[in-house]
N, C-alpha and C. Protein backbone atom coordinates (compact mmCIF):
# COMPACT_ATOMS: atom_id res chain seq x y z
N MET A 1 143.95 59.50 95.65
CA MET A 1 145.34 59.63 96.02
C MET A 1 145.53 60.86 96.89
N SER A 2 146.50 60.77 97.75
CA SER A 2 146.80 61.87 98.64
C SER A 2 148.24 62.34 98.41
N TYR A 3 148.37 63.42 97.68
CA TYR A 3 149.69 63.96 97.39
C TYR A 3 150.18 64.81 98.56
N LEU A 4 151.47 64.73 98.85
CA LEU A 4 152.09 65.51 99.91
C LEU A 4 153.07 66.50 99.29
N LYS A 5 153.11 67.71 99.83
CA LYS A 5 154.05 68.70 99.33
C LYS A 5 155.47 68.26 99.68
N ALA A 6 156.31 68.17 98.65
CA ALA A 6 157.68 67.70 98.84
C ALA A 6 158.68 68.85 98.90
N CYS A 7 158.48 69.86 98.03
CA CYS A 7 159.39 70.99 97.97
C CYS A 7 158.83 72.03 97.01
N ALA A 8 159.51 73.15 96.95
CA ALA A 8 159.18 74.15 95.93
C ALA A 8 159.82 73.70 94.62
N GLU A 9 159.16 73.98 93.52
CA GLU A 9 159.70 73.60 92.22
C GLU A 9 161.10 74.19 92.01
N GLY A 10 161.33 75.39 92.52
CA GLY A 10 162.62 76.05 92.39
C GLY A 10 163.74 75.37 93.17
N ASP A 11 163.39 74.47 94.09
CA ASP A 11 164.42 73.74 94.85
C ASP A 11 165.08 72.65 94.02
N LEU A 12 164.47 72.30 92.89
CA LEU A 12 165.01 71.23 92.04
C LEU A 12 165.87 71.81 90.93
N HIS A 13 167.07 71.28 90.81
CA HIS A 13 168.00 71.70 89.77
C HIS A 13 168.27 70.51 88.86
N GLU A 14 168.41 70.78 87.59
CA GLU A 14 168.57 69.74 86.57
C GLU A 14 169.63 68.71 86.97
N ASP A 15 169.24 67.44 86.95
CA ASP A 15 170.14 66.30 87.20
C ASP A 15 170.80 66.33 88.58
N THR A 16 170.19 67.01 89.53
CA THR A 16 170.72 67.07 90.90
C THR A 16 169.68 66.49 91.85
N PRO A 17 169.93 65.31 92.41
CA PRO A 17 168.96 64.68 93.30
C PRO A 17 168.73 65.50 94.57
N LEU A 18 167.48 65.45 95.05
CA LEU A 18 167.11 66.11 96.30
C LEU A 18 166.38 65.09 97.17
N ARG A 19 166.88 64.89 98.39
CA ARG A 19 166.26 63.93 99.31
C ARG A 19 165.23 64.64 100.17
N VAL A 20 164.05 64.04 100.28
CA VAL A 20 162.99 64.51 101.17
C VAL A 20 162.43 63.28 101.89
N VAL A 21 161.74 63.52 102.99
CA VAL A 21 161.07 62.43 103.70
C VAL A 21 159.59 62.81 103.80
N LEU A 22 158.73 61.94 103.30
CA LEU A 22 157.29 62.17 103.28
C LEU A 22 156.59 61.01 103.97
N ASP A 23 155.87 61.28 105.03
CA ASP A 23 155.21 60.20 105.80
C ASP A 23 156.20 59.09 106.16
N ASP A 24 157.38 59.47 106.62
CA ASP A 24 158.44 58.53 107.01
C ASP A 24 159.02 57.73 105.84
N VAL A 25 158.73 58.13 104.62
CA VAL A 25 159.27 57.46 103.44
C VAL A 25 160.37 58.34 102.84
N PRO A 26 161.61 57.84 102.77
CA PRO A 26 162.68 58.61 102.14
C PRO A 26 162.51 58.59 100.61
N VAL A 27 162.53 59.77 100.01
CA VAL A 27 162.27 59.91 98.58
C VAL A 27 163.37 60.76 97.96
N THR A 28 163.82 60.37 96.78
CA THR A 28 164.73 61.19 95.99
C THR A 28 163.93 61.83 94.87
N LEU A 29 164.00 63.14 94.77
CA LEU A 29 163.36 63.88 93.68
C LEU A 29 164.43 64.26 92.68
N VAL A 30 164.10 64.14 91.38
CA VAL A 30 165.05 64.50 90.33
C VAL A 30 164.32 65.19 89.21
N ARG A 31 164.86 66.35 88.79
CA ARG A 31 164.40 67.00 87.57
C ARG A 31 165.42 66.66 86.49
N THR A 32 164.93 66.00 85.44
CA THR A 32 165.80 65.64 84.33
C THR A 32 164.99 65.49 83.06
N GLU A 33 165.58 65.83 81.95
CA GLU A 33 164.96 65.67 80.63
C GLU A 33 163.54 66.23 80.57
N GLY A 34 163.31 67.35 81.28
CA GLY A 34 162.03 68.04 81.20
C GLY A 34 160.94 67.54 82.14
N ASP A 35 161.24 66.54 82.95
CA ASP A 35 160.25 66.00 83.88
C ASP A 35 160.81 65.94 85.29
N VAL A 36 159.92 65.74 86.25
CA VAL A 36 160.31 65.55 87.65
C VAL A 36 159.90 64.14 88.06
N TYR A 37 160.83 63.43 88.68
CA TYR A 37 160.60 62.05 89.09
C TYR A 37 160.80 61.91 90.60
N ALA A 38 160.08 60.95 91.19
CA ALA A 38 160.24 60.62 92.60
C ALA A 38 160.48 59.12 92.71
N ILE A 39 161.57 58.75 93.36
CA ILE A 39 161.96 57.36 93.51
C ILE A 39 162.36 57.14 94.96
N ASN A 40 162.12 55.95 95.47
CA ASN A 40 162.51 55.66 96.85
C ASN A 40 164.01 55.90 96.99
N ASP A 41 164.40 56.50 98.10
CA ASP A 41 165.79 56.91 98.30
C ASP A 41 166.72 55.79 98.73
N VAL A 42 166.23 54.58 98.92
CA VAL A 42 167.07 53.50 99.43
C VAL A 42 167.37 52.49 98.32
N CYS A 43 168.66 52.30 98.04
CA CYS A 43 169.10 51.32 97.04
C CYS A 43 168.62 49.93 97.44
N SER A 44 168.13 49.16 96.48
CA SER A 44 167.63 47.81 96.78
C SER A 44 168.76 46.80 96.97
N HIS A 45 169.98 47.17 96.65
CA HIS A 45 171.12 46.27 96.83
C HIS A 45 171.81 46.51 98.17
N ALA A 46 172.03 47.77 98.47
CA ALA A 46 172.68 48.13 99.74
C ALA A 46 171.85 49.25 100.36
N ASN A 47 171.72 49.25 101.63
CA ASN A 47 170.86 50.21 102.32
C ASN A 47 171.53 51.58 102.40
N VAL A 48 171.69 52.22 101.23
CA VAL A 48 172.31 53.54 101.17
C VAL A 48 171.42 54.49 100.37
N SER A 49 171.66 55.77 100.55
CA SER A 49 170.83 56.80 99.93
C SER A 49 171.16 56.99 98.44
N LEU A 50 170.14 56.84 97.60
CA LEU A 50 170.33 57.07 96.17
C LEU A 50 170.53 58.55 95.86
N SER A 51 170.04 59.43 96.74
CA SER A 51 170.14 60.86 96.47
C SER A 51 171.59 61.35 96.47
N GLU A 52 172.52 60.53 96.94
CA GLU A 52 173.93 60.88 96.91
C GLU A 52 174.60 60.45 95.61
N GLY A 53 173.82 59.82 94.73
CA GLY A 53 174.36 59.34 93.46
C GLY A 53 174.24 60.37 92.35
N GLU A 54 174.64 59.95 91.15
CA GLU A 54 174.62 60.83 89.98
C GLU A 54 173.48 60.44 89.05
N VAL A 55 172.98 61.45 88.33
CA VAL A 55 171.87 61.26 87.39
C VAL A 55 172.39 61.40 85.96
N GLU A 56 171.99 60.44 85.12
CA GLU A 56 172.35 60.48 83.71
C GLU A 56 171.39 59.60 82.93
N ASP A 57 170.95 60.06 81.77
CA ASP A 57 170.07 59.29 80.89
C ASP A 57 168.82 58.77 81.61
N CYS A 58 168.18 59.63 82.40
CA CYS A 58 166.95 59.31 83.12
C CYS A 58 167.13 58.13 84.08
N ALA A 59 168.32 58.03 84.65
CA ALA A 59 168.62 57.00 85.64
C ALA A 59 169.46 57.62 86.75
N ILE A 60 169.38 57.01 87.93
CA ILE A 60 170.22 57.44 89.05
C ILE A 60 171.13 56.28 89.41
N GLU A 61 172.38 56.61 89.66
CA GLU A 61 173.39 55.60 89.98
C GLU A 61 173.71 55.64 91.46
N CYS A 62 173.67 54.47 92.09
CA CYS A 62 174.02 54.37 93.50
C CYS A 62 175.52 54.63 93.64
N TRP A 63 175.86 55.49 94.57
CA TRP A 63 177.26 55.89 94.75
C TRP A 63 178.13 54.78 95.31
N LEU A 64 177.54 53.78 95.96
CA LEU A 64 178.34 52.77 96.65
C LEU A 64 178.85 51.67 95.71
N HIS A 65 177.95 51.04 94.97
CA HIS A 65 178.36 49.92 94.11
C HIS A 65 178.04 50.13 92.63
N GLY A 66 177.45 51.27 92.28
CA GLY A 66 177.22 51.58 90.88
C GLY A 66 175.95 51.05 90.27
N SER A 67 175.03 50.51 91.07
CA SER A 67 173.74 50.09 90.51
C SER A 67 173.02 51.31 89.95
N ARG A 68 172.38 51.15 88.78
CA ARG A 68 171.64 52.24 88.16
C ARG A 68 170.16 51.87 88.12
N PHE A 69 169.31 52.85 88.47
CA PHE A 69 167.87 52.63 88.50
C PHE A 69 167.18 53.63 87.57
N ASP A 70 166.27 53.12 86.74
CA ASP A 70 165.49 53.97 85.85
C ASP A 70 164.56 54.83 86.70
N LEU A 71 164.60 56.14 86.52
CA LEU A 71 163.77 57.05 87.31
C LEU A 71 162.28 56.90 87.00
N ARG A 72 161.95 56.38 85.81
CA ARG A 72 160.55 56.23 85.42
C ARG A 72 159.93 54.96 86.00
N THR A 73 160.72 53.89 86.14
CA THR A 73 160.18 52.59 86.54
C THR A 73 160.76 52.04 87.84
N GLY A 74 161.92 52.53 88.23
CA GLY A 74 162.60 52.00 89.41
C GLY A 74 163.39 50.73 89.14
N ARG A 75 163.35 50.24 87.91
CA ARG A 75 164.05 49.00 87.59
C ARG A 75 165.56 49.22 87.49
N PRO A 76 166.34 48.26 88.03
CA PRO A 76 167.79 48.36 87.89
C PRO A 76 168.20 47.97 86.47
N SER A 77 169.27 48.58 85.97
CA SER A 77 169.73 48.26 84.62
C SER A 77 170.77 47.16 84.61
N GLY A 78 171.19 46.72 85.78
CA GLY A 78 172.17 45.63 85.84
C GLY A 78 172.69 45.47 87.26
N PRO A 79 173.54 44.45 87.46
CA PRO A 79 174.05 44.17 88.79
C PRO A 79 174.89 45.34 89.33
N PRO A 80 175.07 45.38 90.64
CA PRO A 80 174.71 44.31 91.56
C PRO A 80 173.24 44.31 91.99
N ALA A 81 172.50 45.38 91.81
CA ALA A 81 171.08 45.37 92.19
C ALA A 81 170.29 44.52 91.21
N ASN A 82 169.35 43.74 91.75
CA ASN A 82 168.48 42.96 90.87
C ASN A 82 167.00 43.16 91.21
N LEU A 83 166.71 44.00 92.20
CA LEU A 83 165.33 44.31 92.56
C LEU A 83 165.05 45.79 92.30
N PRO A 84 163.86 46.11 91.80
CA PRO A 84 163.51 47.51 91.58
C PRO A 84 163.28 48.24 92.90
N VAL A 85 163.30 49.56 92.84
CA VAL A 85 162.91 50.39 93.97
C VAL A 85 161.60 51.09 93.59
N PRO A 86 160.76 51.39 94.56
CA PRO A 86 159.47 52.03 94.25
C PRO A 86 159.65 53.42 93.63
N VAL A 87 158.76 53.74 92.71
CA VAL A 87 158.66 55.09 92.16
C VAL A 87 157.29 55.62 92.54
N TYR A 88 157.16 56.94 92.59
CA TYR A 88 155.93 57.56 93.08
C TYR A 88 155.42 58.60 92.08
N PRO A 89 154.09 58.73 91.98
CA PRO A 89 153.51 59.76 91.13
C PRO A 89 153.89 61.16 91.63
N VAL A 90 154.10 62.06 90.67
CA VAL A 90 154.48 63.45 90.97
C VAL A 90 153.52 64.38 90.25
N LYS A 91 153.17 65.47 90.91
CA LYS A 91 152.44 66.54 90.22
C LYS A 91 153.03 67.86 90.69
N ILE A 92 152.96 68.83 89.79
CA ILE A 92 153.44 70.18 90.10
C ILE A 92 152.25 71.11 90.03
N ASP A 93 152.07 71.89 91.10
CA ASP A 93 150.93 72.78 91.17
C ASP A 93 151.33 74.03 91.94
N GLY A 94 151.11 75.18 91.34
CA GLY A 94 151.37 76.44 92.01
C GLY A 94 152.80 76.63 92.44
N GLY A 95 153.75 76.09 91.67
CA GLY A 95 155.16 76.24 91.99
C GLY A 95 155.67 75.27 93.04
N ALA A 96 154.84 74.30 93.43
CA ALA A 96 155.26 73.30 94.41
C ALA A 96 155.23 71.91 93.77
N VAL A 97 156.07 71.03 94.30
CA VAL A 97 156.14 69.64 93.85
C VAL A 97 155.45 68.78 94.89
N TYR A 98 154.52 67.95 94.42
CA TYR A 98 153.76 67.05 95.29
C TYR A 98 154.04 65.61 94.87
N VAL A 99 154.10 64.73 95.87
CA VAL A 99 154.40 63.32 95.62
C VAL A 99 153.39 62.47 96.39
N GLU A 100 152.94 61.38 95.76
CA GLU A 100 152.03 60.41 96.39
C GLU A 100 152.87 59.22 96.82
N VAL A 101 153.13 59.08 98.13
CA VAL A 101 153.93 57.97 98.61
C VAL A 101 153.10 56.82 99.15
N ASN A 102 151.85 57.08 99.51
CA ASN A 102 150.97 56.05 100.03
C ASN A 102 150.04 55.62 98.91
N GLN A 103 150.40 54.54 98.23
CA GLN A 103 149.64 54.13 97.06
C GLN A 103 148.66 53.01 97.34
N GLU A 104 148.36 52.77 98.62
CA GLU A 104 147.39 51.74 98.96
C GLU A 104 145.99 52.22 98.60
N SER A 105 145.19 51.31 98.13
CA SER A 105 143.81 51.66 97.77
C SER A 105 142.88 51.49 98.93
């Protein structure tokens, strides 16, 4: 796997999404419930940024139509979205957050 530096760990604030672009892939980073998650920044229902939504109970809610996606799996919890969004492996090393967006073998 090839992890890319996404941000400094200090740039992440509890339950506050942060949008980054890694290898042309828009990613939302979220620190919540003691972990850091990386999820694709584009809602699977409407082509809008998830990083503008709110975080609660390890899920992010799309600001436009209210679809909620589990930060661990990318699965929607109900309509209007019915397709998951990709999630990416995260590691923290030396005060930096790294994300693997290219998961091809």
